N, C-alpha and C. Protein backbone atom coordinates (compact mmCIF):
# COMPACT_ATOMS: atom_id res chain seq x y z
N MET A 1 15.76 10.38 3.25
CA MET A 1 14.78 10.30 4.41
C MET A 1 14.22 8.97 4.05
N GLU A 2 13.97 7.70 5.38
CA GLU A 2 14.10 6.59 5.08
C GLU A 2 12.10 6.50 5.30
N ILE A 3 11.68 6.04 4.07
CA ILE A 3 9.90 5.51 3.23
C ILE A 3 9.69 4.94 4.27
N PRO A 4 8.49 5.56 5.71
CA PRO A 4 7.63 4.85 6.28
C PRO A 4 7.55 3.25 6.48
N LYS A 5 6.57 2.24 6.63
CA LYS A 5 6.54 1.12 6.37
C LYS A 5 5.19 0.89 6.73
N LEU A 6 4.21 0.20 6.14
CA LEU A 6 3.38 -0.16 6.91
C LEU A 6 3.00 -1.84 6.69
N ASP A 7 3.31 -2.67 7.91
CA ASP A 7 3.31 -4.04 7.21
C ASP A 7 1.73 -5.04 7.52
N LEU A 8 1.49 -5.57 6.24
CA LEU A 8 0.13 -6.02 6.54
C LEU A 8 -0.24 -7.18 7.02
N THR A 9 1.06 -7.89 6.26
CA THR A 9 1.66 -8.92 6.17
C THR A 9 1.16 -10.16 7.31
N GLU A 10 0.12 -10.24 8.65
CA GLU A 10 -0.49 -10.18 9.35
C GLU A 10 -2.19 -9.68 8.96
N THR A 11 -2.64 -9.15 8.30
CA THR A 11 -3.36 -8.59 7.60
C THR A 11 -4.10 -9.06 6.72
N ARG A 12 -5.52 -9.98 6.78
CA ARG A 12 -5.73 -10.15 6.07
C ARG A 12 -7.23 -9.00 5.02
N CYS A 13 -8.01 -8.87 4.22
CA CYS A 13 -8.51 -8.08 3.41
C CYS A 13 -10.43 -8.20 4.26
N PRO A 14 -11.02 -7.63 4.75
CA PRO A 14 -10.56 -5.93 4.54
C PRO A 14 -10.24 -5.49 5.02
N LEU A 15 -9.54 -5.43 6.59
CA LEU A 15 -9.18 -4.69 6.95
C LEU A 15 -8.12 -4.96 6.88
N ALA A 16 -7.21 -4.90 5.59
CA ALA A 16 -6.44 -4.90 5.73
C ALA A 16 -6.22 -3.75 4.52
N LEU A 17 -7.39 -3.44 4.05
CA LEU A 17 -8.00 -2.72 2.63
C LEU A 17 -8.46 -1.08 4.42
N LEU A 18 -8.75 -1.08 4.74
CA LEU A 18 -9.35 -0.32 5.52
C LEU A 18 -7.54 0.30 6.57
N MET A 19 -7.36 -0.46 7.24
CA MET A 19 -5.44 0.53 7.28
C MET A 19 -4.55 1.22 6.37
N ALA A 20 -5.07 -0.02 5.41
CA ALA A 20 -4.10 1.14 4.34
C ALA A 20 -4.28 2.22 3.50
N LYS A 21 -6.23 2.18 3.71
CA LYS A 21 -6.65 3.80 3.32
C LYS A 21 -6.22 4.71 4.54
N ARG A 22 -6.86 4.13 5.45
CA ARG A 22 -6.31 5.26 6.64
C ARG A 22 -5.10 5.69 6.66
N THR A 23 -4.05 5.04 7.14
CA THR A 23 -2.83 5.55 6.64
C THR A 23 -2.39 6.45 5.79
N CYS A 24 -2.19 5.49 4.32
CA CYS A 24 -2.59 6.73 2.91
C CYS A 24 -2.97 7.86 3.16
N ALA A 25 -4.03 8.20 3.56
CA ALA A 25 -4.84 9.08 3.97
C ALA A 25 -4.19 10.52 4.64
N GLN A 26 -3.33 9.51 5.58
CA GLN A 26 -2.32 10.67 6.01
C GLN A 26 -1.25 11.56 5.40
N LEU A 27 -0.85 11.19 4.73
CA LEU A 27 -0.06 11.33 3.57
C LEU A 27 0.35 12.98 2.68
N GLY A 28 1.01 13.59 2.88
CA GLY A 28 0.85 14.97 2.03
C GLY A 28 1.47 14.01 0.56
N ALA A 29 1.16 15.70 -0.15
CA ALA A 29 1.81 15.66 -1.56
C ALA A 29 2.43 15.12 -1.57
N GLY A 30 3.21 14.16 -2.63
CA GLY A 30 4.78 13.72 -3.02
C GLY A 30 5.20 13.09 -1.40
N GLN A 31 4.45 12.50 -0.68
CA GLN A 31 4.76 11.96 0.26
C GLN A 31 4.47 10.05 0.15
N SER A 32 5.27 9.38 0.58
CA SER A 32 5.08 8.15 0.31
C SER A 32 5.29 6.50 0.99
N LEU A 33 5.22 6.29 1.21
CA LEU A 33 5.09 5.38 1.99
C LEU A 33 4.58 3.34 1.62
N THR A 34 5.51 2.72 2.53
CA THR A 34 6.31 1.09 0.98
C THR A 34 4.82 0.05 2.05
N ILE A 35 3.79 -0.34 1.48
CA ILE A 35 3.49 -1.24 2.40
C ILE A 35 3.63 -2.73 1.84
N HIS A 36 4.06 -3.74 3.36
CA HIS A 36 3.91 -4.85 2.25
C HIS A 36 3.02 -6.48 2.46
N LEU A 37 2.30 -6.54 1.83
CA LEU A 37 1.07 -7.52 1.74
C LEU A 37 1.18 -9.11 1.87
N CYS A 38 0.94 -10.06 1.97
CA CYS A 38 0.63 -11.59 1.86
C CYS A 38 -0.70 -11.63 1.38
N ASP A 39 -1.94 -11.15 1.64
CA ASP A 39 -3.05 -11.69 1.51
C ASP A 39 -3.71 -12.12 0.41
N ALA A 40 -4.17 -12.31 -0.42
CA ALA A 40 -4.27 -13.05 -2.42
C ALA A 40 -5.52 -11.63 -2.24
N GLY A 41 -6.44 -11.39 -1.25
CA GLY A 41 -7.04 -9.62 -1.97
C GLY A 41 -6.99 -8.76 -1.77
N SER A 42 -5.46 -8.65 -0.53
CA SER A 42 -5.28 -7.41 -0.17
C SER A 42 -4.60 -7.00 -1.00
N ARG A 43 -3.71 -8.12 -2.05
CA ARG A 43 -2.64 -7.86 -3.34
C ARG A 43 -3.47 -7.42 -4.90
N LYS A 44 -4.20 -7.68 -4.46
CA LYS A 44 -5.50 -7.58 -5.80
C LYS A 44 -6.35 -6.21 -5.28
N ASP A 45 -6.74 -5.59 -4.14
CA ASP A 45 -7.34 -4.94 -3.39
C ASP A 45 -6.89 -3.54 -3.63
N ILE A 46 -5.71 -3.85 -2.44
CA ILE A 46 -5.49 -2.22 -1.67
C ILE A 46 -4.14 -1.37 -3.29
N PRO A 47 -3.77 -1.93 -4.73
CA PRO A 47 -2.92 -1.06 -5.32
C PRO A 47 -4.45 -1.07 -5.90
N ARG A 48 -5.37 -1.22 -6.52
CA ARG A 48 -6.17 -0.85 -7.01
C ARG A 48 -6.85 -0.10 -6.79
N TYR A 49 -7.28 0.10 -5.33
CA TYR A 49 -7.56 1.66 -4.69
C TYR A 49 -7.31 2.81 -4.44
N LEU A 50 -5.97 2.39 -4.18
CA LEU A 50 -4.98 2.97 -4.40
C LEU A 50 -4.62 4.00 -5.86
N LEU A 51 -5.06 3.10 -6.64
CA LEU A 51 -4.33 4.19 -7.79
C LEU A 51 -5.74 4.90 -8.73
N ASN A 52 -7.05 4.27 -7.84
CA ASN A 52 -8.28 5.32 -8.45
C ASN A 52 -8.51 6.23 -7.53
N HIS A 53 -7.46 6.13 -6.00
CA HIS A 53 -7.75 7.57 -5.34
C HIS A 53 -6.99 8.60 -5.45
N GLY A 54 -5.92 8.62 -5.89
CA GLY A 54 -4.58 10.23 -6.24
C GLY A 54 -3.08 9.38 -5.63
N PHE A 55 -3.26 7.95 -6.07
CA PHE A 55 -2.03 8.17 -5.48
C PHE A 55 -0.96 6.78 -6.63
N GLN A 56 0.30 6.81 -6.84
CA GLN A 56 1.54 6.35 -7.26
C GLN A 56 1.69 4.89 -7.27
N VAL A 57 1.57 4.10 -7.41
CA VAL A 57 1.46 3.12 -6.73
C VAL A 57 3.15 2.22 -8.03
N HIS A 58 4.10 2.18 -7.07
CA HIS A 58 5.08 1.21 -8.00
C HIS A 58 5.84 -0.39 -7.00
N ILE A 59 5.79 -0.88 -7.48
CA ILE A 59 5.88 -2.58 -7.03
C ILE A 59 7.66 -3.06 -6.99
N GLN A 60 7.47 -3.05 -5.69
CA GLN A 60 9.32 -2.94 -5.10
C GLN A 60 9.28 -4.91 -5.42
N SER A 61 8.75 -5.67 -4.95
CA SER A 61 8.97 -6.84 -4.97
C SER A 61 8.00 -7.83 -5.35
N ASP A 62 7.62 -8.91 -5.91
CA ASP A 62 6.39 -9.06 -5.70
C ASP A 62 6.37 -11.09 -6.06
N ASN A 63 6.26 -12.14 -5.30
CA ASN A 63 6.72 -13.16 -5.38
C ASN A 63 5.48 -13.78 -4.91
N PRO A 64 5.48 -15.02 -5.16
CA PRO A 64 4.04 -15.77 -4.14
C PRO A 64 3.94 -15.33 -2.98
N GLN A 65 4.65 -14.95 -1.48
CA GLN A 65 4.65 -15.07 -0.78
C GLN A 65 4.84 -13.20 -0.17
N LEU A 66 4.75 -12.80 -0.44
CA LEU A 66 5.47 -10.55 -0.76
C LEU A 66 5.39 -10.03 -1.65
N LEU A 67 4.57 -9.56 -1.69
CA LEU A 67 4.12 -8.04 -1.89
C LEU A 67 4.40 -6.59 -1.62
N VAL A 68 5.47 -5.96 -2.17
CA VAL A 68 5.94 -5.23 -1.73
C VAL A 68 5.70 -3.79 -2.25
N ILE A 69 4.93 -2.52 -2.01
CA ILE A 69 4.38 -2.13 -2.68
C ILE A 69 5.07 -0.59 -1.80
N THR A 70 5.31 0.88 -3.33
CA THR A 70 5.57 1.87 -2.19
C THR A 70 4.34 3.09 -3.21
N VAL A 71 3.75 3.61 -2.34
CA VAL A 71 2.54 4.22 -2.63
C VAL A 71 3.07 6.02 -1.89
N THR A 72 2.78 6.82 -3.57
CA THR A 72 2.83 8.12 -3.12
C THR A 72 1.70 8.15 -3.21
N ARG A 73 1.34 9.87 -2.51
CA ARG A 73 0.69 10.89 -2.76
C ARG A 73 0.63 11.45 -4.35
N ARG A 74 0.21 11.75 -5.24
CA ARG A 74 0.06 12.48 -6.57
C ARG A 74 0.22 14.29 -5.87
N LEU A 75 1.04 14.75 -7.02
CA LEU A 75 1.08 15.84 -6.55
C LEU A 75 -0.30 17.06 -6.94
């Protein structure tokens, strides 16, 4: 099964955080989502928010141009 992707590379915080919150809130227990981020604020705020709200965050790729994380709702 392919993991759905949320591309926020063109979106800046705080809108990117709001979109990530809404999308991740729809995940069921154990479901995953890949998020692509570019904005410096989003790169800090989104993983921190998700870790504090019941999600596991795994960094797939981290370079100066792009951060790719996989988010999984904890069981």
